[in-house]
Amino acid sequence: MTSPADLGYHLLLDVGRLHRWASHRSSFAVPAAQLRLLALVDQLGPARVGTLAVADHSSQPSLTAQLNKTDAAGWTTRAPDPMDARAQMVTLTATGREALDAARRARAAVIAPVVEQLDEQGLRRLADAVAVLDDLIARLDPERTPA
């Protein structure tokens, strides 16, 4: 399991499994689909509805339905795109950022007791692995990898 393809395959499996495990054991004030939308808007910054739909691998009507819910909850706002008034730009509100941060903290709180079970060498290895992940993420093309 040392080829880049094998490592990438197992990395994605493990990260996905860890994320699902932590999410399953956490409670959130925001439904999962809307939480995913808040995370996209947080990552992309103000973005058009169509851009968010592409990033979410969903249809524009499906994304708009979720966006209507996040708008109603006060987590997002929409405003005309300054480049094209026919399009709308979606922005995360302060309340939306707080909800997203709370969900992220809830997941972190669930995983913390597991991390605490590592010995000092395991903690160092995990810290090194997180640094490598941060480096990999920094190399991603943000135009091609919005999510």
N, C-alpha and C. Protein backbone atom coordinates (compact mmCIF):
# COMPACT_ATOMS: atom_id res chain seq x y z
N MET A 1 0.84 -1.19 0.00
CA MET A 1 0.00 0.00 0.00
C MET A 1 0.88 1.25 0.00
N THR A 2 1.88 1.29 -0.84
CA THR A 2 2.75 2.47 -0.84
C THR A 2 2.68 3.26 -2.13
N SER A 3 1.94 2.78 -3.12
CA SER A 3 1.84 3.58 -4.34
C SER A 3 0.95 4.78 -4.06
N PRO A 4 1.16 5.89 -4.76
CA PRO A 4 0.30 7.05 -4.55
C PRO A 4 -1.19 6.73 -4.73
N ALA A 5 -1.51 5.89 -5.71
CA ALA A 5 -2.92 5.54 -5.93
C ALA A 5 -3.48 4.75 -4.75
N ASP A 6 -2.71 3.78 -4.24
CA ASP A 6 -3.18 3.00 -3.09
C ASP A 6 -3.30 3.87 -1.84
N LEU A 7 -2.31 4.72 -1.61
CA LEU A 7 -2.37 5.61 -0.45
C LEU A 7 -3.57 6.55 -0.55
N GLY A 8 -3.79 7.11 -1.74
CA GLY A 8 -4.93 8.00 -1.93
C GLY A 8 -6.25 7.29 -1.70
N TYR A 9 -6.35 6.07 -2.21
CA TYR A 9 -7.56 5.27 -2.04
C TYR A 9 -7.85 5.04 -0.55
N HIS A 10 -6.86 4.57 0.18
CA HIS A 10 -7.04 4.28 1.60
C HIS A 10 -7.22 5.55 2.43
N LEU A 11 -6.56 6.61 2.04
CA LEU A 11 -6.73 7.89 2.72
C LEU A 11 -8.19 8.33 2.65
N LEU A 12 -8.76 8.29 1.45
CA LEU A 12 -10.15 8.72 1.29
C LEU A 12 -11.12 7.80 2.03
N LEU A 13 -10.87 6.49 1.99
CA LEU A 13 -11.71 5.56 2.75
C LEU A 13 -11.65 5.87 4.24
N ASP A 14 -10.45 6.03 4.76
CA ASP A 14 -10.28 6.25 6.20
C ASP A 14 -10.83 7.60 6.65
N VAL A 15 -10.57 8.65 5.89
CA VAL A 15 -11.09 9.97 6.26
C VAL A 15 -12.62 9.95 6.22
N GLY A 16 -13.19 9.33 5.20
CA GLY A 16 -14.65 9.23 5.11
C GLY A 16 -15.23 8.45 6.28
N ARG A 17 -14.60 7.33 6.61
CA ARG A 17 -15.07 6.50 7.73
C ARG A 17 -15.00 7.27 9.04
N LEU A 18 -13.90 7.96 9.26
CA LEU A 18 -13.73 8.75 10.49
C LEU A 18 -14.77 9.87 10.57
N HIS A 19 -14.99 10.54 9.45
CA HIS A 19 -15.98 11.63 9.42
C HIS A 19 -17.38 11.09 9.72
N ARG A 20 -17.74 9.97 9.08
CA ARG A 20 -19.07 9.39 9.33
C ARG A 20 -19.21 8.93 10.78
N TRP A 21 -18.16 8.33 11.32
CA TRP A 21 -18.18 7.86 12.71
C TRP A 21 -18.43 9.03 13.66
N ALA A 22 -17.67 10.09 13.49
CA ALA A 22 -17.81 11.26 14.37
C ALA A 22 -19.16 11.94 14.18
N SER A 23 -19.62 12.03 12.94
CA SER A 23 -20.92 12.67 12.68
C SER A 23 -22.06 11.87 13.29
N HIS A 24 -21.97 10.56 13.19
CA HIS A 24 -23.03 9.69 13.71
C HIS A 24 -23.16 9.83 15.23
N ARG A 25 -22.07 10.10 15.90
CA ARG A 25 -22.06 10.20 17.35
C ARG A 25 -22.21 11.63 17.86
N SER A 26 -22.40 12.56 16.96
CA SER A 26 -22.55 13.98 17.33
C SER A 26 -23.99 14.40 17.11
N SER A 27 -24.39 15.43 17.82
CA SER A 27 -25.71 16.01 17.55
C SER A 27 -25.51 17.44 17.06
N PHE A 28 -26.31 17.80 16.07
CA PHE A 28 -26.18 19.10 15.43
C PHE A 28 -27.53 19.81 15.42
N ALA A 29 -27.48 21.13 15.46
CA ALA A 29 -28.69 21.93 15.32
C ALA A 29 -29.07 22.08 13.86
N VAL A 30 -28.16 21.71 12.96
CA VAL A 30 -28.35 21.89 11.52
C VAL A 30 -28.46 20.52 10.86
N PRO A 31 -29.49 20.28 10.04
CA PRO A 31 -29.57 19.01 9.30
C PRO A 31 -28.35 18.81 8.40
N ALA A 32 -28.00 17.55 8.16
CA ALA A 32 -26.76 17.21 7.46
C ALA A 32 -26.64 17.88 6.09
N ALA A 33 -27.70 17.86 5.28
CA ALA A 33 -27.61 18.46 3.94
C ALA A 33 -27.36 19.96 4.02
N GLN A 34 -27.97 20.61 4.99
CA GLN A 34 -27.78 22.04 5.15
C GLN A 34 -26.40 22.34 5.74
N LEU A 35 -25.93 21.46 6.60
CA LEU A 35 -24.58 21.62 7.15
C LEU A 35 -23.54 21.51 6.04
N ARG A 36 -23.74 20.57 5.13
CA ARG A 36 -22.83 20.43 3.98
C ARG A 36 -22.84 21.70 3.14
N LEU A 37 -24.01 22.30 2.95
CA LEU A 37 -24.12 23.54 2.19
C LEU A 37 -23.39 24.69 2.91
N LEU A 38 -23.56 24.78 4.22
CA LEU A 38 -22.85 25.82 4.97
C LEU A 38 -21.34 25.65 4.83
N ALA A 39 -20.87 24.40 4.88
CA ALA A 39 -19.43 24.15 4.73
C ALA A 39 -18.94 24.56 3.34
N LEU A 40 -19.75 24.31 2.32
CA LEU A 40 -19.38 24.72 0.96
C LEU A 40 -19.27 26.24 0.85
N VAL A 41 -20.27 26.94 1.38
CA VAL A 41 -20.25 28.40 1.31
C VAL A 41 -19.06 28.94 2.12
N ASP A 42 -18.78 28.31 3.25
CA ASP A 42 -17.63 28.71 4.05
C ASP A 42 -16.33 28.54 3.27
N GLN A 43 -16.21 27.43 2.57
CA GLN A 43 -14.98 27.15 1.82
C GLN A 43 -14.85 28.03 0.59
N LEU A 44 -15.94 28.20 -0.15
CA LEU A 44 -15.87 28.94 -1.41
C LEU A 44 -15.97 30.44 -1.23
N GLY A 45 -16.51 30.87 -0.10
CA GLY A 45 -16.80 32.29 0.05
C GLY A 45 -18.08 32.59 -0.70
N PRO A 46 -18.43 33.86 -0.86
CA PRO A 46 -19.65 34.16 -1.62
C PRO A 46 -19.61 33.47 -2.98
N ALA A 47 -20.68 32.75 -3.29
CA ALA A 47 -20.70 31.96 -4.53
C ALA A 47 -22.10 31.96 -5.12
N ARG A 48 -22.15 31.79 -6.42
CA ARG A 48 -23.43 31.68 -7.11
C ARG A 48 -24.09 30.34 -6.77
N VAL A 49 -25.41 30.33 -6.86
CA VAL A 49 -26.17 29.12 -6.60
C VAL A 49 -25.70 27.98 -7.51
N GLY A 50 -25.51 28.27 -8.78
CA GLY A 50 -25.06 27.25 -9.73
C GLY A 50 -23.69 26.69 -9.38
N THR A 51 -22.80 27.54 -8.93
CA THR A 51 -21.47 27.10 -8.52
C THR A 51 -21.56 26.16 -7.33
N LEU A 52 -22.43 26.49 -6.38
CA LEU A 52 -22.62 25.64 -5.21
C LEU A 52 -23.22 24.29 -5.61
N ALA A 53 -24.16 24.31 -6.55
CA ALA A 53 -24.78 23.06 -7.00
C ALA A 53 -23.73 22.15 -7.64
N VAL A 54 -22.88 22.71 -8.47
CA VAL A 54 -21.81 21.91 -9.10
C VAL A 54 -20.87 21.36 -8.03
N ALA A 55 -20.48 22.19 -7.07
CA ALA A 55 -19.57 21.76 -6.02
C ALA A 55 -20.18 20.66 -5.16
N ASP A 56 -21.50 20.70 -5.00
CA ASP A 56 -22.22 19.72 -4.18
C ASP A 56 -22.63 18.48 -4.98
N HIS A 57 -22.36 18.49 -6.28
CA HIS A 57 -22.79 17.39 -7.16
C HIS A 57 -24.30 17.18 -7.06
N SER A 58 -25.03 18.28 -7.04
CA SER A 58 -26.49 18.21 -6.97
C SER A 58 -27.08 19.12 -8.04
N SER A 59 -28.37 18.96 -8.26
CA SER A 59 -29.03 19.82 -9.23
C SER A 59 -29.25 21.19 -8.61
N GLN A 60 -29.42 22.18 -9.46
CA GLN A 60 -29.67 23.53 -8.95
C GLN A 60 -30.99 23.58 -8.18
N PRO A 61 -32.07 22.92 -8.66
CA PRO A 61 -33.31 22.94 -7.87
C PRO A 61 -33.14 22.28 -6.48
N SER A 62 -32.38 21.19 -6.41
CA SER A 62 -32.16 20.54 -5.11
C SER A 62 -31.38 21.45 -4.17
N LEU A 63 -30.35 22.08 -4.71
CA LEU A 63 -29.55 22.97 -3.88
C LEU A 63 -30.37 24.18 -3.45
N THR A 64 -31.19 24.70 -4.36
CA THR A 64 -32.04 25.85 -4.03
C THR A 64 -33.00 25.50 -2.90
N ALA A 65 -33.53 24.27 -2.89
CA ALA A 65 -34.42 23.85 -1.81
C ALA A 65 -33.70 23.89 -0.47
N GLN A 66 -32.46 23.41 -0.43
CA GLN A 66 -31.68 23.46 0.81
C GLN A 66 -31.33 24.90 1.17
N LEU A 67 -31.02 25.69 0.15
CA LEU A 67 -30.67 27.09 0.37
C LEU A 67 -31.85 27.87 0.94
N ASN A 68 -33.05 27.56 0.48
CA ASN A 68 -34.24 28.22 1.04
C ASN A 68 -34.34 27.96 2.54
N LYS A 69 -33.97 26.74 2.95
CA LYS A 69 -34.00 26.39 4.37
C LYS A 69 -32.90 27.11 5.15
N THR A 70 -31.70 27.19 4.58
CA THR A 70 -30.62 27.88 5.29
C THR A 70 -30.87 29.38 5.35
N ASP A 71 -31.49 29.92 4.30
CA ASP A 71 -31.87 31.34 4.33
C ASP A 71 -32.91 31.59 5.43
N ALA A 72 -33.93 30.72 5.48
CA ALA A 72 -35.01 30.88 6.47
C ALA A 72 -34.48 30.77 7.90
N ALA A 73 -33.46 29.95 8.09
CA ALA A 73 -32.87 29.80 9.42
C ALA A 73 -31.91 30.94 9.76
N GLY A 74 -31.61 31.79 8.78
CA GLY A 74 -30.69 32.90 9.01
C GLY A 74 -29.23 32.51 8.89
N TRP A 75 -28.95 31.34 8.30
CA TRP A 75 -27.57 30.86 8.18
C TRP A 75 -26.88 31.36 6.92
N THR A 76 -27.67 31.69 5.90
CA THR A 76 -27.13 32.22 4.64
C THR A 76 -27.99 33.39 4.19
N THR A 77 -27.41 34.20 3.32
CA THR A 77 -28.17 35.26 2.66
C THR A 77 -27.83 35.23 1.18
N ARG A 78 -28.72 35.80 0.38
CA ARG A 78 -28.49 35.91 -1.06
C ARG A 78 -28.60 37.38 -1.45
N ALA A 79 -27.75 37.76 -2.39
CA ALA A 79 -27.76 39.12 -2.91
C ALA A 79 -27.43 39.04 -4.39
N PRO A 80 -27.84 40.05 -5.17
CA PRO A 80 -27.51 40.04 -6.60
C PRO A 80 -25.99 39.99 -6.81
N ASP A 81 -25.59 39.24 -7.81
CA ASP A 81 -24.18 39.17 -8.20
C ASP A 81 -23.81 40.51 -8.83
N PRO A 82 -22.78 41.19 -8.34
CA PRO A 82 -22.42 42.49 -8.91
C PRO A 82 -22.02 42.41 -10.38
N MET A 83 -21.61 41.22 -10.84
CA MET A 83 -21.21 41.04 -12.24
C MET A 83 -22.41 40.73 -13.14
N ASP A 84 -23.49 40.21 -12.55
CA ASP A 84 -24.67 39.82 -13.31
C ASP A 84 -25.86 39.82 -12.36
N ALA A 85 -26.65 40.87 -12.38
CA ALA A 85 -27.75 41.04 -11.44
C ALA A 85 -28.81 39.95 -11.55
N ARG A 86 -28.79 39.17 -12.65
CA ARG A 86 -29.75 38.06 -12.77
C ARG A 86 -29.36 36.90 -11.86
N ALA A 87 -28.09 36.82 -11.52
CA ALA A 87 -27.59 35.72 -10.67
C ALA A 87 -27.54 36.19 -9.22
N GLN A 88 -27.56 35.22 -8.31
CA GLN A 88 -27.48 35.54 -6.89
C GLN A 88 -26.21 34.96 -6.28
N MET A 89 -25.64 35.73 -5.36
CA MET A 89 -24.47 35.29 -4.61
C MET A 89 -24.94 34.87 -3.21
N VAL A 90 -24.47 33.73 -2.77
CA VAL A 90 -24.82 33.20 -1.46
C VAL A 90 -23.66 33.47 -0.51
N THR A 91 -24.00 33.97 0.67
CA THR A 91 -23.00 34.30 1.68
C THR A 91 -23.39 33.66 3.00
N LEU A 92 -22.41 33.21 3.75
CA LEU A 92 -22.63 32.66 5.09
C LEU A 92 -22.80 33.83 6.06
N THR A 93 -23.83 33.77 6.90
CA THR A 93 -24.03 34.81 7.91
C THR A 93 -23.22 34.47 9.16
N ALA A 94 -23.16 35.41 10.08
CA ALA A 94 -22.47 35.15 11.35
C ALA A 94 -23.15 34.00 12.09
N THR A 95 -24.48 33.95 12.03
CA THR A 95 -25.22 32.86 12.66
C THR A 95 -24.91 31.53 11.98
N GLY A 96 -24.78 31.55 10.67
CA GLY A 96 -24.42 30.35 9.92
C GLY A 96 -23.03 29.87 10.28
N ARG A 97 -22.10 30.80 10.42
CA ARG A 97 -20.73 30.44 10.81
C ARG A 97 -20.73 29.83 12.20
N GLU A 98 -21.51 30.40 13.12
CA GLU A 98 -21.60 29.85 14.48
C GLU A 98 -22.16 28.43 14.45
N ALA A 99 -23.19 28.19 13.64
CA ALA A 99 -23.78 26.85 13.54
C ALA A 99 -22.78 25.86 12.96
N LEU A 100 -22.06 26.28 11.94
CA LEU A 100 -21.05 25.42 11.32
C LEU A 100 -19.91 25.13 12.30
N ASP A 101 -19.44 26.15 12.98
CA ASP A 101 -18.37 25.96 13.97
C ASP A 101 -18.83 25.03 15.10
N ALA A 102 -20.09 25.17 15.53
CA ALA A 102 -20.61 24.31 16.60
C ALA A 102 -20.62 22.85 16.15
N ALA A 103 -21.01 22.60 14.91
CA ALA A 103 -21.02 21.23 14.39
C ALA A 103 -19.60 20.68 14.31
N ARG A 104 -18.67 21.49 13.89
CA ARG A 104 -17.27 21.04 13.81
C ARG A 104 -16.72 20.75 15.20
N ARG A 105 -17.06 21.60 16.17
CA ARG A 105 -16.61 21.37 17.54
C ARG A 105 -17.24 20.10 18.12
N ALA A 106 -18.50 19.85 17.77
CA ALA A 106 -19.18 18.63 18.25
C ALA A 106 -18.47 17.39 17.73
N ARG A 107 -18.10 17.39 16.47
CA ARG A 107 -17.36 16.25 15.91
C ARG A 107 -16.00 16.10 16.60
N ALA A 108 -15.33 17.22 16.80
CA ALA A 108 -14.01 17.17 17.45
C ALA A 108 -14.12 16.64 18.88
N ALA A 109 -15.18 17.01 19.58
CA ALA A 109 -15.37 16.54 20.96
C ALA A 109 -15.59 15.04 21.00
N VAL A 110 -16.21 14.49 19.98
CA VAL A 110 -16.46 13.05 19.92
C VAL A 110 -15.16 12.29 19.68
N ILE A 111 -14.31 12.82 18.84
CA ILE A 111 -13.07 12.11 18.50
C ILE A 111 -11.97 12.32 19.54
N ALA A 112 -12.06 13.39 20.32
CA ALA A 112 -11.00 13.71 21.30
C ALA A 112 -10.70 12.55 22.26
N PRO A 113 -11.70 11.88 22.84
CA PRO A 113 -11.38 10.77 23.74
C PRO A 113 -10.62 9.63 23.06
N VAL A 114 -10.87 9.42 21.79
CA VAL A 114 -10.15 8.38 21.05
C VAL A 114 -8.70 8.82 20.84
N VAL A 115 -8.51 10.08 20.48
CA VAL A 115 -7.16 10.61 20.28
C VAL A 115 -6.38 10.57 21.60
N GLU A 116 -7.07 10.85 22.71
CA GLU A 116 -6.42 10.84 24.02
C GLU A 116 -5.86 9.47 24.39
N GLN A 117 -6.35 8.42 23.76
CA GLN A 117 -5.88 7.06 24.05
C GLN A 117 -4.52 6.76 23.41
N LEU A 118 -4.09 7.61 22.49
CA LEU A 118 -2.80 7.40 21.83
C LEU A 118 -1.66 7.69 22.80
N ASP A 119 -0.58 6.94 22.66
CA ASP A 119 0.61 7.26 23.45
C ASP A 119 1.32 8.45 22.80
N GLU A 120 2.41 8.88 23.41
CA GLU A 120 3.09 10.08 22.91
C GLU A 120 3.56 9.91 21.47
N GLN A 121 4.07 8.74 21.13
CA GLN A 121 4.51 8.49 19.75
C GLN A 121 3.32 8.54 18.80
N GLY A 122 2.20 7.96 19.21
CA GLY A 122 1.01 7.99 18.37
C GLY A 122 0.51 9.41 18.15
N LEU A 123 0.57 10.23 19.20
CA LEU A 123 0.16 11.64 19.06
C LEU A 123 1.07 12.38 18.09
N ARG A 124 2.38 12.12 18.18
CA ARG A 124 3.32 12.77 17.25
C ARG A 124 3.04 12.32 15.82
N ARG A 125 2.80 11.03 15.63
CA ARG A 125 2.53 10.52 14.28
C ARG A 125 1.24 11.13 13.73
N LEU A 126 0.22 11.25 14.60
CA LEU A 126 -1.03 11.86 14.16
C LEU A 126 -0.81 13.33 13.80
N ALA A 127 -0.06 14.05 14.62
CA ALA A 127 0.23 15.45 14.32
C ALA A 127 0.97 15.57 13.00
N ASP A 128 1.92 14.66 12.76
CA ASP A 128 2.64 14.66 11.48
C ASP A 128 1.69 14.37 10.32
N ALA A 129 0.78 13.42 10.52
CA ALA A 129 -0.17 13.07 9.46
C ALA A 129 -1.09 14.25 9.16
N VAL A 130 -1.54 14.94 10.19
CA VAL A 130 -2.39 16.12 9.98
C VAL A 130 -1.62 17.19 9.20
N ALA A 131 -0.35 17.36 9.51
CA ALA A 131 0.48 18.33 8.77
C ALA A 131 0.60 17.93 7.30
N VAL A 132 0.75 16.65 7.03
CA VAL A 132 0.82 16.18 5.64
C VAL A 132 -0.52 16.43 4.95
N LEU A 133 -1.63 16.15 5.63
CA LEU A 133 -2.94 16.43 5.04
C LEU A 133 -3.11 17.91 4.74
N ASP A 134 -2.69 18.76 5.65
CA ASP A 134 -2.76 20.21 5.41
C ASP A 134 -1.95 20.59 4.18
N ASP A 135 -0.79 19.97 4.02
CA ASP A 135 0.05 20.24 2.85
C ASP A 135 -0.64 19.77 1.57
N LEU A 136 -1.24 18.59 1.61
CA LEU A 136 -1.97 18.09 0.43
C LEU A 136 -3.12 19.02 0.06
N ILE A 137 -3.86 19.45 1.06
CA ILE A 137 -5.00 20.34 0.82
C ILE A 137 -4.52 21.66 0.23
N ALA A 138 -3.40 22.17 0.70
CA ALA A 138 -2.86 23.43 0.16
C ALA A 138 -2.49 23.30 -1.31
N ARG A 139 -2.21 22.08 -1.77
CA ARG A 139 -1.83 21.87 -3.17
C ARG A 139 -3.03 21.73 -4.11
N LEU A 140 -4.22 21.61 -3.55
CA LEU A 140 -5.40 21.44 -4.38
C LEU A 140 -5.70 22.72 -5.15
N ASP A 141 -6.20 22.54 -6.34
CA ASP A 141 -6.63 23.68 -7.17
C ASP A 141 -8.02 24.09 -6.70
N PRO A 142 -8.16 25.24 -6.04
CA PRO A 142 -9.46 25.62 -5.50
C PRO A 142 -10.54 25.79 -6.57
N GLU A 143 -10.15 26.08 -7.79
CA GLU A 143 -11.14 26.22 -8.86
C GLU A 143 -11.72 24.87 -9.27
N ARG A 144 -10.95 23.81 -9.08
CA ARG A 144 -11.39 22.49 -9.52
C ARG A 144 -11.83 21.61 -8.36
N THR A 145 -11.52 22.00 -7.14
CA THR A 145 -11.85 21.17 -5.99
C THR A 145 -12.54 21.98 -4.91
N PRO A 146 -13.74 22.48 -5.18
CA PRO A 146 -14.41 23.33 -4.21
C PRO A 146 -14.87 22.60 -2.97
N ALA A 147 -15.06 21.32 -3.06
CA ALA A 147 -15.55 20.61 -1.88
C ALA A 147 -14.50 19.65 -1.45
